[in-house]
Amino acid sequence: MKLFSHSPNPGPDPPPPSEALSEDEVDLFARLLAQHQDKLYRVAYRMAGHHEDAQDLLQDALLEAFRSFKRFQRGTYFDKWLYRIMTNTFIDRQRRSKRVGRIESLDAPQSGGEDDGALVREVADWGSDPARVALRETFDEPVQRALDSLPPEFRMVLILSDVEEFSYEEISEMMGTPVGTVRSRLHRARGAVKLALTRKAK
C-alpha cells in the first residue's frame, strides 16, 4: 500500500507499526485516506509552502497515522484526526528548523478579557474579504509568502479556519488549545496576512 500518490516516486511501503494492523484495518486506512488525500495535500502545501516540503510533511504525518491507526476511534472524523497529527508533525519540524520564528511576537497578551488564559476577541467575518478569497482559492506566491511569515501555530489555525472552514471548537480539539487561544491566534494571523497582501497589492 502506498501512503500517498501525488509524488511520482512515493518510495517504499512504510514499515509495520509496533502493533501490527490487521488486513481489514490496513484496507480501511487506505479507503479513508483515498477520500481525503487531496485535501490533506492542499493543507500540507499551505503549511509547508513548497511541493517537496509538503510531500515530506505529509509522508511523515501519514506514517505516524498508519502506525497509530489502532488508536483511531471508528465513527469519528478521520480527516480531523489526521489534521491533528499533521499539525503536531509540522510544528515539531518547524521547531527543529533554523527558519522558525518567535511565536511570542504574535501570541503576546494584549489588553482585554481572558478565556482559559487567552485573550477573548470577536473575530470579524471574513466571508467576502478579498484576502480570504485569495487564501482559499489561489496558490500564488504572495499568498504563500504571507502564510510563510506566520509562526507555525498561527499558520495552522488560519488554514484550518479559513481554508478548511472548521469551527473554533473543532480547531481547538485538533490543536489541543483552548477556544480563546484559537480566537486570539486567528485574529492576529488574519491581520498579518491581510496586511501582507495589502502591501503587495500597492
N, C-alpha and C. Protein backbone atom coordinates (compact mmCIF):
# COMPACT_ATOMS: atom_id res chain seq x y z
N MET A 1 0.84 -1.19 0.00
CA MET A 1 0.00 0.00 0.00
C MET A 1 0.87 1.23 0.00
N LYS A 2 0.63 2.15 -0.93
CA LYS A 2 1.33 3.42 -0.96
C LYS A 2 0.53 4.43 -0.15
N LEU A 3 1.23 5.16 0.70
CA LEU A 3 0.52 6.09 1.56
C LEU A 3 0.01 7.30 0.81
N PHE A 4 0.69 7.69 -0.26
CA PHE A 4 0.31 8.93 -0.92
C PHE A 4 0.69 8.85 -2.37
N SER A 5 -0.17 9.40 -3.25
CA SER A 5 0.03 9.19 -4.67
C SER A 5 0.38 10.44 -5.46
N HIS A 6 0.47 11.63 -4.81
CA HIS A 6 0.79 12.84 -5.57
C HIS A 6 2.21 12.79 -6.11
N SER A 7 3.12 12.21 -5.37
CA SER A 7 4.50 12.17 -5.80
C SER A 7 4.69 11.09 -6.85
N PRO A 8 5.47 11.36 -7.94
CA PRO A 8 5.71 10.33 -8.94
C PRO A 8 6.56 9.19 -8.39
N ASN A 9 7.27 9.43 -7.28
CA ASN A 9 8.10 8.38 -6.70
C ASN A 9 7.87 8.36 -5.20
N PRO A 10 6.77 7.82 -4.74
CA PRO A 10 6.41 7.91 -3.33
C PRO A 10 7.29 7.11 -2.40
N GLY A 11 8.12 6.21 -2.94
CA GLY A 11 9.01 5.46 -2.08
C GLY A 11 8.40 4.14 -1.64
N PRO A 12 9.13 3.41 -0.83
CA PRO A 12 8.65 2.08 -0.42
C PRO A 12 7.51 2.17 0.56
N ASP A 13 6.83 1.04 0.72
CA ASP A 13 5.77 0.96 1.71
C ASP A 13 6.35 1.21 3.09
N PRO A 14 5.53 1.74 4.02
CA PRO A 14 6.03 2.01 5.37
C PRO A 14 6.30 0.73 6.12
N PRO A 15 7.21 0.77 7.10
CA PRO A 15 7.42 -0.40 7.94
C PRO A 15 6.18 -0.67 8.77
N PRO A 16 6.00 -1.88 9.24
CA PRO A 16 4.81 -2.18 10.05
C PRO A 16 4.87 -1.44 11.37
N PRO A 17 3.70 -1.04 11.91
CA PRO A 17 3.67 -0.39 13.21
C PRO A 17 4.06 -1.36 14.31
N SER A 18 4.31 -0.81 15.51
CA SER A 18 4.73 -1.67 16.62
C SER A 18 3.64 -2.70 16.92
N GLU A 19 2.40 -2.31 16.80
CA GLU A 19 1.28 -3.24 16.97
C GLU A 19 0.64 -3.40 15.60
N ALA A 20 0.96 -4.50 14.93
CA ALA A 20 0.63 -4.65 13.52
C ALA A 20 -0.88 -4.56 13.30
N LEU A 21 -1.25 -3.89 12.21
CA LEU A 21 -2.64 -3.78 11.82
C LEU A 21 -3.08 -5.06 11.12
N SER A 22 -4.35 -5.36 11.27
CA SER A 22 -4.92 -6.48 10.53
C SER A 22 -5.11 -6.07 9.07
N GLU A 23 -5.36 -7.03 8.24
CA GLU A 23 -5.59 -6.73 6.83
C GLU A 23 -6.80 -5.83 6.65
N ASP A 24 -7.83 -6.06 7.43
CA ASP A 24 -9.03 -5.22 7.36
C ASP A 24 -8.72 -3.78 7.78
N GLU A 25 -7.90 -3.62 8.80
CA GLU A 25 -7.52 -2.28 9.25
C GLU A 25 -6.68 -1.56 8.21
N VAL A 26 -5.78 -2.26 7.57
CA VAL A 26 -4.98 -1.66 6.50
C VAL A 26 -5.88 -1.22 5.35
N ASP A 27 -6.84 -2.06 4.99
CA ASP A 27 -7.78 -1.71 3.91
C ASP A 27 -8.61 -0.49 4.30
N LEU A 28 -9.07 -0.44 5.55
CA LEU A 28 -9.87 0.70 6.00
C LEU A 28 -9.03 1.98 5.97
N PHE A 29 -7.80 1.91 6.43
CA PHE A 29 -6.92 3.08 6.39
C PHE A 29 -6.77 3.57 4.96
N ALA A 30 -6.54 2.66 4.03
CA ALA A 30 -6.37 3.04 2.63
C ALA A 30 -7.63 3.69 2.06
N ARG A 31 -8.80 3.14 2.40
CA ARG A 31 -10.06 3.70 1.90
C ARG A 31 -10.29 5.12 2.46
N LEU A 32 -10.06 5.28 3.75
CA LEU A 32 -10.25 6.60 4.36
C LEU A 32 -9.26 7.61 3.80
N LEU A 33 -8.04 7.17 3.61
CA LEU A 33 -7.03 8.07 3.06
C LEU A 33 -7.39 8.50 1.64
N ALA A 34 -7.90 7.58 0.84
CA ALA A 34 -8.27 7.92 -0.53
C ALA A 34 -9.35 8.99 -0.58
N GLN A 35 -10.21 9.02 0.43
CA GLN A 35 -11.28 10.01 0.47
C GLN A 35 -10.77 11.42 0.79
N HIS A 36 -9.62 11.51 1.45
CA HIS A 36 -9.18 12.80 1.99
C HIS A 36 -7.82 13.26 1.48
N GLN A 37 -7.13 12.46 0.65
CA GLN A 37 -5.74 12.78 0.36
C GLN A 37 -5.57 14.09 -0.40
N ASP A 38 -6.52 14.48 -1.24
CA ASP A 38 -6.37 15.75 -1.95
C ASP A 38 -6.44 16.93 -0.98
N LYS A 39 -7.38 16.88 -0.04
CA LYS A 39 -7.47 17.93 0.98
C LYS A 39 -6.22 17.94 1.85
N LEU A 40 -5.73 16.77 2.19
CA LEU A 40 -4.54 16.69 3.03
C LEU A 40 -3.34 17.31 2.33
N TYR A 41 -3.22 17.06 1.04
CA TYR A 41 -2.10 17.65 0.31
C TYR A 41 -2.24 19.16 0.26
N ARG A 42 -3.45 19.66 0.04
CA ARG A 42 -3.66 21.11 -0.03
C ARG A 42 -3.24 21.77 1.28
N VAL A 43 -3.64 21.16 2.40
CA VAL A 43 -3.26 21.72 3.70
C VAL A 43 -1.75 21.62 3.91
N ALA A 44 -1.17 20.48 3.55
CA ALA A 44 0.28 20.32 3.70
C ALA A 44 1.04 21.35 2.86
N TYR A 45 0.54 21.63 1.67
CA TYR A 45 1.20 22.63 0.82
C TYR A 45 1.09 24.01 1.43
N ARG A 46 -0.09 24.35 1.93
CA ARG A 46 -0.26 25.65 2.57
C ARG A 46 0.65 25.78 3.79
N MET A 47 0.82 24.70 4.52
CA MET A 47 1.65 24.72 5.70
C MET A 47 3.13 24.81 5.35
N ALA A 48 3.56 24.00 4.40
CA ALA A 48 4.99 23.88 4.11
C ALA A 48 5.47 24.91 3.10
N GLY A 49 4.62 25.30 2.15
CA GLY A 49 4.99 26.34 1.20
C GLY A 49 5.64 25.87 -0.08
N HIS A 50 6.06 24.61 -0.13
CA HIS A 50 6.72 24.07 -1.33
C HIS A 50 6.26 22.63 -1.53
N HIS A 51 6.24 22.21 -2.79
CA HIS A 51 5.76 20.87 -3.10
C HIS A 51 6.59 19.81 -2.39
N GLU A 52 7.92 19.92 -2.46
CA GLU A 52 8.77 18.90 -1.86
C GLU A 52 8.60 18.85 -0.35
N ASP A 53 8.56 20.04 0.28
CA ASP A 53 8.38 20.07 1.73
C ASP A 53 7.00 19.56 2.12
N ALA A 54 5.99 19.86 1.30
CA ALA A 54 4.64 19.36 1.58
C ALA A 54 4.61 17.84 1.49
N GLN A 55 5.30 17.28 0.50
CA GLN A 55 5.36 15.82 0.38
C GLN A 55 6.03 15.20 1.60
N ASP A 56 7.13 15.80 2.03
CA ASP A 56 7.83 15.26 3.20
C ASP A 56 6.96 15.34 4.44
N LEU A 57 6.31 16.49 4.63
CA LEU A 57 5.43 16.65 5.79
C LEU A 57 4.30 15.64 5.76
N LEU A 58 3.68 15.49 4.61
CA LEU A 58 2.54 14.58 4.51
C LEU A 58 2.97 13.14 4.71
N GLN A 59 4.11 12.76 4.14
CA GLN A 59 4.58 11.39 4.33
C GLN A 59 4.86 11.10 5.80
N ASP A 60 5.49 12.05 6.49
CA ASP A 60 5.77 11.85 7.92
C ASP A 60 4.47 11.72 8.71
N ALA A 61 3.50 12.60 8.41
CA ALA A 61 2.23 12.57 9.14
C ALA A 61 1.46 11.29 8.86
N LEU A 62 1.45 10.86 7.61
CA LEU A 62 0.72 9.64 7.26
C LEU A 62 1.38 8.40 7.84
N LEU A 63 2.69 8.40 7.90
CA LEU A 63 3.38 7.27 8.50
C LEU A 63 3.03 7.17 9.99
N GLU A 64 3.00 8.32 10.67
CA GLU A 64 2.61 8.34 12.08
C GLU A 64 1.16 7.90 12.24
N ALA A 65 0.29 8.36 11.32
CA ALA A 65 -1.12 7.97 11.39
C ALA A 65 -1.28 6.47 11.17
N PHE A 66 -0.53 5.92 10.23
CA PHE A 66 -0.60 4.48 9.96
C PHE A 66 -0.17 3.68 11.18
N ARG A 67 0.92 4.13 11.81
CA ARG A 67 1.42 3.43 12.99
C ARG A 67 0.46 3.55 14.17
N SER A 68 -0.32 4.63 14.19
CA SER A 68 -1.21 4.90 15.32
C SER A 68 -2.66 4.53 15.03
N PHE A 69 -2.91 3.89 13.91
CA PHE A 69 -4.29 3.73 13.45
C PHE A 69 -5.14 2.91 14.41
N LYS A 70 -4.56 2.03 15.20
CA LYS A 70 -5.34 1.27 16.17
C LYS A 70 -5.97 2.19 17.22
N ARG A 71 -5.41 3.40 17.39
CA ARG A 71 -5.98 4.34 18.36
C ARG A 71 -7.06 5.22 17.75
N PHE A 72 -7.24 5.14 16.44
CA PHE A 72 -8.30 5.92 15.80
C PHE A 72 -9.65 5.34 16.20
N GLN A 73 -10.56 6.21 16.62
CA GLN A 73 -11.88 5.76 17.05
C GLN A 73 -12.82 5.69 15.85
N ARG A 74 -13.26 4.50 15.54
CA ARG A 74 -14.18 4.31 14.42
C ARG A 74 -15.43 5.16 14.63
N GLY A 75 -15.92 5.75 13.55
CA GLY A 75 -17.11 6.57 13.63
C GLY A 75 -16.82 8.04 13.87
N THR A 76 -15.57 8.39 14.17
CA THR A 76 -15.19 9.79 14.29
C THR A 76 -14.62 10.26 12.96
N TYR A 77 -14.25 11.54 12.91
CA TYR A 77 -13.81 12.14 11.65
C TYR A 77 -12.33 11.83 11.40
N PHE A 78 -12.08 11.06 10.36
CA PHE A 78 -10.72 10.67 10.02
C PHE A 78 -9.88 11.88 9.62
N ASP A 79 -10.49 12.84 8.90
CA ASP A 79 -9.70 13.99 8.45
C ASP A 79 -9.27 14.84 9.64
N LYS A 80 -10.14 15.03 10.63
CA LYS A 80 -9.75 15.81 11.81
C LYS A 80 -8.63 15.12 12.58
N TRP A 81 -8.74 13.81 12.69
CA TRP A 81 -7.69 13.04 13.37
C TRP A 81 -6.36 13.22 12.65
N LEU A 82 -6.38 13.17 11.33
CA LEU A 82 -5.16 13.33 10.56
C LEU A 82 -4.62 14.76 10.63
N TYR A 83 -5.52 15.74 10.62
CA TYR A 83 -5.07 17.13 10.72
C TYR A 83 -4.35 17.36 12.04
N ARG A 84 -4.83 16.73 13.10
CA ARG A 84 -4.16 16.91 14.39
C ARG A 84 -2.75 16.32 14.34
N ILE A 85 -2.62 15.15 13.74
CA ILE A 85 -1.30 14.54 13.60
C ILE A 85 -0.41 15.40 12.71
N MET A 86 -0.97 15.92 11.62
CA MET A 86 -0.19 16.76 10.72
C MET A 86 0.24 18.05 11.41
N THR A 87 -0.67 18.62 12.21
CA THR A 87 -0.34 19.84 12.94
C THR A 87 0.85 19.61 13.86
N ASN A 88 0.79 18.54 14.64
CA ASN A 88 1.88 18.24 15.57
C ASN A 88 3.17 17.96 14.81
N THR A 89 3.07 17.25 13.70
CA THR A 89 4.26 16.95 12.90
C THR A 89 4.87 18.23 12.34
N PHE A 90 4.03 19.10 11.82
CA PHE A 90 4.50 20.36 11.23
C PHE A 90 5.17 21.24 12.28
N ILE A 91 4.52 21.40 13.43
CA ILE A 91 5.08 22.26 14.47
C ILE A 91 6.40 21.69 14.99
N ASP A 92 6.48 20.37 15.15
CA ASP A 92 7.74 19.76 15.59
C ASP A 92 8.84 19.99 14.56
N ARG A 93 8.50 19.84 13.28
CA ARG A 93 9.50 20.07 12.22
C ARG A 93 9.96 21.51 12.22
N GLN A 94 9.03 22.45 12.37
CA GLN A 94 9.38 23.87 12.35
C GLN A 94 10.24 24.24 13.55
N ARG A 95 9.94 23.67 14.69
CA ARG A 95 10.73 23.99 15.88
C ARG A 95 12.15 23.47 15.77
N ARG A 96 12.33 22.40 14.99
CA ARG A 96 13.68 21.89 14.79
C ARG A 96 14.42 22.63 13.70
N SER A 97 13.71 23.43 12.94
CA SER A 97 14.31 24.12 11.80
C SER A 97 14.88 25.46 12.24
N LYS A 98 15.94 25.87 11.62
CA LYS A 98 16.55 27.17 11.92
C LYS A 98 15.69 28.31 11.40
N ARG A 99 14.73 27.99 10.53
CA ARG A 99 13.90 29.04 9.94
C ARG A 99 12.75 29.45 10.83
N VAL A 100 12.51 28.75 11.94
CA VAL A 100 11.33 29.03 12.75
C VAL A 100 11.46 30.40 13.40
N GLY A 101 10.34 31.13 13.48
CA GLY A 101 10.34 32.45 14.09
C GLY A 101 9.83 32.40 15.52
N ARG A 102 9.84 33.53 16.16
CA ARG A 102 9.36 33.61 17.53
C ARG A 102 7.85 33.70 17.58
N ILE A 103 7.24 32.79 18.29
CA ILE A 103 5.79 32.80 18.41
C ILE A 103 5.33 33.96 19.28
N GLU A 104 6.15 34.36 20.27
CA GLU A 104 5.71 35.39 21.20
C GLU A 104 5.36 36.70 20.50
N SER A 105 5.95 36.96 19.35
CA SER A 105 5.71 38.23 18.67
C SER A 105 4.25 38.38 18.27
N LEU A 106 3.54 37.29 18.05
CA LEU A 106 2.12 37.35 17.71
C LEU A 106 1.24 36.91 18.88
N ASP A 107 1.75 36.08 19.72
CA ASP A 107 0.92 35.47 20.75
C ASP A 107 0.98 36.21 22.08
N ALA A 108 1.72 37.31 22.14
CA ALA A 108 1.83 38.03 23.40
C ALA A 108 0.47 38.57 23.83
N PRO A 109 0.18 38.54 25.13
CA PRO A 109 -1.12 39.04 25.60
C PRO A 109 -1.32 40.51 25.27
N GLN A 110 -2.56 40.88 25.00
CA GLN A 110 -2.92 42.26 24.78
C GLN A 110 -4.03 42.62 25.77
N SER A 111 -4.33 43.90 25.87
CA SER A 111 -5.35 44.31 26.82
C SER A 111 -6.69 43.75 26.44
N GLY A 112 -7.47 43.33 27.44
CA GLY A 112 -8.79 42.76 27.17
C GLY A 112 -9.06 41.64 28.14
N GLY A 113 -10.23 41.02 27.99
CA GLY A 113 -10.59 39.91 28.86
C GLY A 113 -9.84 38.66 28.50
N GLU A 114 -10.01 37.64 29.34
CA GLU A 114 -9.32 36.40 29.10
C GLU A 114 -10.30 35.25 29.22
N ASP A 115 -10.00 34.22 28.43
CA ASP A 115 -10.81 32.99 28.46
C ASP A 115 -9.85 31.83 28.41
N ASP A 116 -9.81 31.00 29.47
CA ASP A 116 -8.85 29.90 29.58
C ASP A 116 -7.42 30.41 29.42
N GLY A 117 -7.13 31.61 29.92
CA GLY A 117 -5.79 32.13 29.84
C GLY A 117 -5.48 32.80 28.52
N ALA A 118 -6.44 32.94 27.63
CA ALA A 118 -6.18 33.54 26.33
C ALA A 118 -7.10 34.72 26.12
N LEU A 119 -6.67 35.64 25.31
CA LEU A 119 -7.45 36.84 25.04
C LEU A 119 -8.73 36.49 24.31
N VAL A 120 -9.84 37.09 24.73
CA VAL A 120 -11.13 36.89 24.07
C VAL A 120 -11.37 38.03 23.10
N ARG A 121 -11.65 37.73 21.86
CA ARG A 121 -11.97 38.74 20.87
C ARG A 121 -13.09 38.22 19.99
N GLU A 122 -13.85 39.14 19.47
CA GLU A 122 -14.80 38.77 18.43
C GLU A 122 -14.06 38.90 17.10
N VAL A 123 -13.95 37.80 16.39
CA VAL A 123 -13.21 37.79 15.13
C VAL A 123 -14.18 38.11 14.00
N ALA A 124 -13.87 39.13 13.25
CA ALA A 124 -14.77 39.57 12.19
C ALA A 124 -14.97 38.49 11.14
N ASP A 125 -16.16 38.49 10.54
CA ASP A 125 -16.46 37.55 9.46
C ASP A 125 -15.64 37.91 8.24
N TRP A 126 -14.88 36.94 7.76
CA TRP A 126 -14.01 37.16 6.61
C TRP A 126 -14.64 36.62 5.33
N GLY A 127 -15.91 36.33 5.36
CA GLY A 127 -16.53 35.60 4.26
C GLY A 127 -16.30 36.20 2.89
N SER A 128 -16.42 37.53 2.76
CA SER A 128 -16.26 38.16 1.45
C SER A 128 -14.98 38.96 1.33
N ASP A 129 -14.08 38.82 2.31
CA ASP A 129 -12.84 39.59 2.28
C ASP A 129 -11.94 39.08 1.16
N PRO A 130 -11.38 39.97 0.33
CA PRO A 130 -10.51 39.53 -0.77
C PRO A 130 -9.31 38.72 -0.30
N ALA A 131 -8.78 39.06 0.88
CA ALA A 131 -7.64 38.32 1.39
C ALA A 131 -8.00 36.86 1.66
N ARG A 132 -9.22 36.64 2.20
CA ARG A 132 -9.63 35.27 2.46
C ARG A 132 -9.89 34.53 1.16
N VAL A 133 -10.49 35.20 0.20
CA VAL A 133 -10.72 34.57 -1.11
C VAL A 133 -9.40 34.13 -1.72
N ALA A 134 -8.39 34.99 -1.64
CA ALA A 134 -7.08 34.65 -2.18
C ALA A 134 -6.48 33.47 -1.42
N LEU A 135 -6.65 33.47 -0.11
CA LEU A 135 -6.10 32.40 0.70
C LEU A 135 -6.71 31.06 0.35
N ARG A 136 -8.01 31.05 0.11
CA ARG A 136 -8.71 29.79 -0.15
C ARG A 136 -8.56 29.31 -1.58
N GLU A 137 -8.49 30.22 -2.54
CA GLU A 137 -8.66 29.82 -3.93
C GLU A 137 -7.40 29.87 -4.77
N THR A 138 -6.33 30.45 -4.28
CA THR A 138 -5.12 30.56 -5.08
C THR A 138 -3.92 30.03 -4.33
N PHE A 139 -2.93 29.61 -5.09
CA PHE A 139 -1.68 29.13 -4.53
C PHE A 139 -0.53 30.02 -5.01
N ASP A 140 -0.83 31.31 -5.27
CA ASP A 140 0.21 32.15 -5.84
C ASP A 140 1.23 32.54 -4.78
N GLU A 141 2.35 33.07 -5.26
CA GLU A 141 3.49 33.34 -4.40
C GLU A 141 3.21 34.34 -3.28
N PRO A 142 2.53 35.48 -3.55
CA PRO A 142 2.27 36.41 -2.44
C PRO A 142 1.45 35.81 -1.31
N VAL A 143 0.44 35.02 -1.67
CA VAL A 143 -0.38 34.38 -0.63
C VAL A 143 0.45 33.43 0.21
N GLN A 144 1.26 32.62 -0.46
CA GLN A 144 2.06 31.66 0.29
C GLN A 144 3.13 32.35 1.12
N ARG A 145 3.71 33.42 0.61
CA ARG A 145 4.70 34.16 1.38
C ARG A 145 4.07 34.75 2.65
N ALA A 146 2.83 35.23 2.51
CA ALA A 146 2.13 35.78 3.68
C ALA A 146 1.92 34.69 4.72
N LEU A 147 1.55 33.50 4.28
CA LEU A 147 1.39 32.38 5.21
C LEU A 147 2.73 31.98 5.83
N ASP A 148 3.77 31.94 5.00
CA ASP A 148 5.09 31.53 5.49
C ASP A 148 5.63 32.46 6.56
N SER A 149 5.16 33.71 6.57
CA SER A 149 5.65 34.67 7.55
C SER A 149 5.07 34.43 8.94
N LEU A 150 4.05 33.60 9.04
CA LEU A 150 3.40 33.33 10.32
C LEU A 150 4.13 32.23 11.09
N PRO A 151 4.18 32.32 12.42
CA PRO A 151 4.64 31.18 13.22
C PRO A 151 3.74 29.97 12.96
N PRO A 152 4.26 28.76 13.17
CA PRO A 152 3.52 27.56 12.76
C PRO A 152 2.14 27.42 13.37
N GLU A 153 1.99 27.74 14.67
CA GLU A 153 0.67 27.58 15.29
C GLU A 153 -0.35 28.54 14.68
N PHE A 154 0.09 29.74 14.31
CA PHE A 154 -0.81 30.73 13.72
C PHE A 154 -1.16 30.35 12.28
N ARG A 155 -0.17 29.86 11.57
CA ARG A 155 -0.41 29.42 10.20
C ARG A 155 -1.44 28.30 10.17
N MET A 156 -1.29 27.35 11.11
CA MET A 156 -2.19 26.21 11.11
C MET A 156 -3.61 26.61 11.46
N VAL A 157 -3.78 27.48 12.46
CA VAL A 157 -5.14 27.86 12.85
C VAL A 157 -5.82 28.62 11.72
N LEU A 158 -5.07 29.42 10.97
CA LEU A 158 -5.64 30.15 9.84
C LEU A 158 -6.05 29.20 8.71
N ILE A 159 -5.21 28.22 8.44
CA ILE A 159 -5.53 27.25 7.40
C ILE A 159 -6.77 26.44 7.77
N LEU A 160 -6.82 25.96 9.00
CA LEU A 160 -7.96 25.15 9.41
C LEU A 160 -9.25 25.96 9.41
N SER A 161 -9.17 27.24 9.76
CA SER A 161 -10.38 28.06 9.81
C SER A 161 -10.79 28.57 8.44
N ASP A 162 -9.87 29.20 7.72
CA ASP A 162 -10.25 29.96 6.53
C ASP A 162 -10.02 29.22 5.22
N VAL A 163 -9.31 28.11 5.25
CA VAL A 163 -9.19 27.26 4.07
C VAL A 163 -10.11 26.05 4.20
N GLU A 164 -10.02 25.37 5.34
CA GLU A 164 -10.81 24.15 5.55
C GLU A 164 -12.14 24.42 6.24
N GLU A 165 -12.34 25.61 6.77
CA GLU A 165 -13.61 26.07 7.34
C GLU A 165 -14.08 25.23 8.53
N PHE A 166 -13.16 24.85 9.39
CA PHE A 166 -13.55 24.22 10.64
C PHE A 166 -13.97 25.29 11.64
N SER A 167 -14.80 24.90 12.60
CA SER A 167 -15.23 25.82 13.65
C SER A 167 -14.11 26.01 14.67
N TYR A 168 -14.28 27.05 15.51
CA TYR A 168 -13.31 27.28 16.57
C TYR A 168 -13.20 26.06 17.48
N GLU A 169 -14.34 25.45 17.79
CA GLU A 169 -14.35 24.31 18.69
C GLU A 169 -13.62 23.12 18.06
N GLU A 170 -13.81 22.90 16.77
CA GLU A 170 -13.13 21.81 16.08
C GLU A 170 -11.62 22.05 16.04
N ILE A 171 -11.23 23.29 15.77
CA ILE A 171 -9.80 23.62 15.72
C ILE A 171 -9.19 23.47 17.11
N SER A 172 -9.93 23.89 18.12
CA SER A 172 -9.46 23.74 19.50
C SER A 172 -9.17 22.28 19.81
N GLU A 173 -10.06 21.41 19.40
CA GLU A 173 -9.87 19.97 19.64
C GLU A 173 -8.68 19.44 18.86
N MET A 174 -8.57 19.83 17.59
CA MET A 174 -7.48 19.31 16.75
C MET A 174 -6.11 19.78 17.22
N MET A 175 -6.03 21.04 17.68
CA MET A 175 -4.74 21.60 18.05
C MET A 175 -4.45 21.47 19.54
N GLY A 176 -5.44 21.02 20.31
CA GLY A 176 -5.22 20.85 21.74
C GLY A 176 -5.02 22.16 22.47
N THR A 177 -5.72 23.22 22.04
CA THR A 177 -5.62 24.53 22.66
C THR A 177 -7.01 25.05 23.00
N PRO A 178 -7.13 25.93 23.99
CA PRO A 178 -8.45 26.47 24.35
C PRO A 178 -9.06 27.27 23.19
N VAL A 179 -10.39 27.35 23.18
CA VAL A 179 -11.08 28.11 22.14
C VAL A 179 -10.63 29.57 22.15
N GLY A 180 -10.42 30.13 23.34
CA GLY A 180 -9.96 31.51 23.43
C GLY A 180 -8.63 31.72 22.74
N THR A 181 -7.73 30.75 22.84
CA THR A 181 -6.44 30.83 22.17
C THR A 181 -6.62 30.75 20.66
N VAL A 182 -7.52 29.89 20.21
CA VAL A 182 -7.81 29.79 18.78
C VAL A 182 -8.30 31.14 18.25
N ARG A 183 -9.23 31.76 18.94
CA ARG A 183 -9.77 33.06 18.52
C ARG A 183 -8.67 34.12 18.45
N SER A 184 -7.85 34.16 19.49
CA SER A 184 -6.80 35.17 19.56
C SER A 184 -5.78 34.98 18.43
N ARG A 185 -5.35 33.74 18.22
CA ARG A 185 -4.36 33.48 17.17
C ARG A 185 -4.95 33.74 15.79
N LEU A 186 -6.21 33.37 15.61
CA LEU A 186 -6.84 33.60 14.32
C LEU A 186 -6.94 35.09 14.01
N HIS A 187 -7.31 35.88 15.01
CA HIS A 187 -7.39 37.33 14.83
C HIS A 187 -6.05 37.90 14.38
N ARG A 188 -4.99 37.52 15.06
CA ARG A 188 -3.67 38.04 14.74
C ARG A 188 -3.18 37.53 13.38
N ALA A 189 -3.43 36.25 13.11
CA ALA A 189 -2.98 35.69 11.84
C ALA A 189 -3.70 36.33 10.66
N ARG A 190 -5.01 36.54 10.78
CA ARG A 190 -5.75 37.20 9.71
C ARG A 190 -5.23 38.60 9.47
N GLY A 191 -4.97 39.33 10.56
CA GLY A 191 -4.46 40.68 10.41
C GLY A 191 -3.11 40.72 9.72
N ALA A 192 -2.23 39.79 10.08
CA ALA A 192 -0.90 39.76 9.49
C ALA A 192 -0.96 39.41 8.00
N VAL A 193 -1.79 38.42 7.64
CA VAL A 193 -1.90 38.03 6.23
C VAL A 193 -2.55 39.14 5.41
N LYS A 194 -3.60 39.74 5.95
CA LYS A 194 -4.28 40.80 5.22
C LYS A 194 -3.35 41.99 4.99
N LEU A 195 -2.55 42.34 6.00
CA LEU A 195 -1.60 43.43 5.85
C LEU A 195 -0.56 43.11 4.79
N ALA A 196 -0.05 41.87 4.81
CA ALA A 196 0.97 41.47 3.84
C ALA A 196 0.42 41.51 2.41
N LEU A 197 -0.82 41.03 2.22
CA LEU A 197 -1.41 41.05 0.87
C LEU A 197 -1.75 42.46 0.43
N THR A 198 -2.18 43.32 1.36
CA THR A 198 -2.49 44.70 1.02
C THR A 198 -1.24 45.43 0.59
N ARG A 199 -0.14 45.22 1.28
CA ARG A 199 1.12 45.87 0.90
C ARG A 199 1.59 45.39 -0.46
N LYS A 200 1.41 44.09 -0.73
CA LYS A 200 1.83 43.55 -2.03
C LYS A 200 1.02 44.14 -3.16
N ALA A 201 -0.26 44.44 -2.90
CA ALA A 201 -1.14 44.95 -3.96
C ALA A 201 -0.84 46.38 -4.31
N LYS A 202 -0.16 47.11 -3.43
CA LYS A 202 0.09 48.55 -3.69
C LYS A 202 1.21 48.73 -4.69
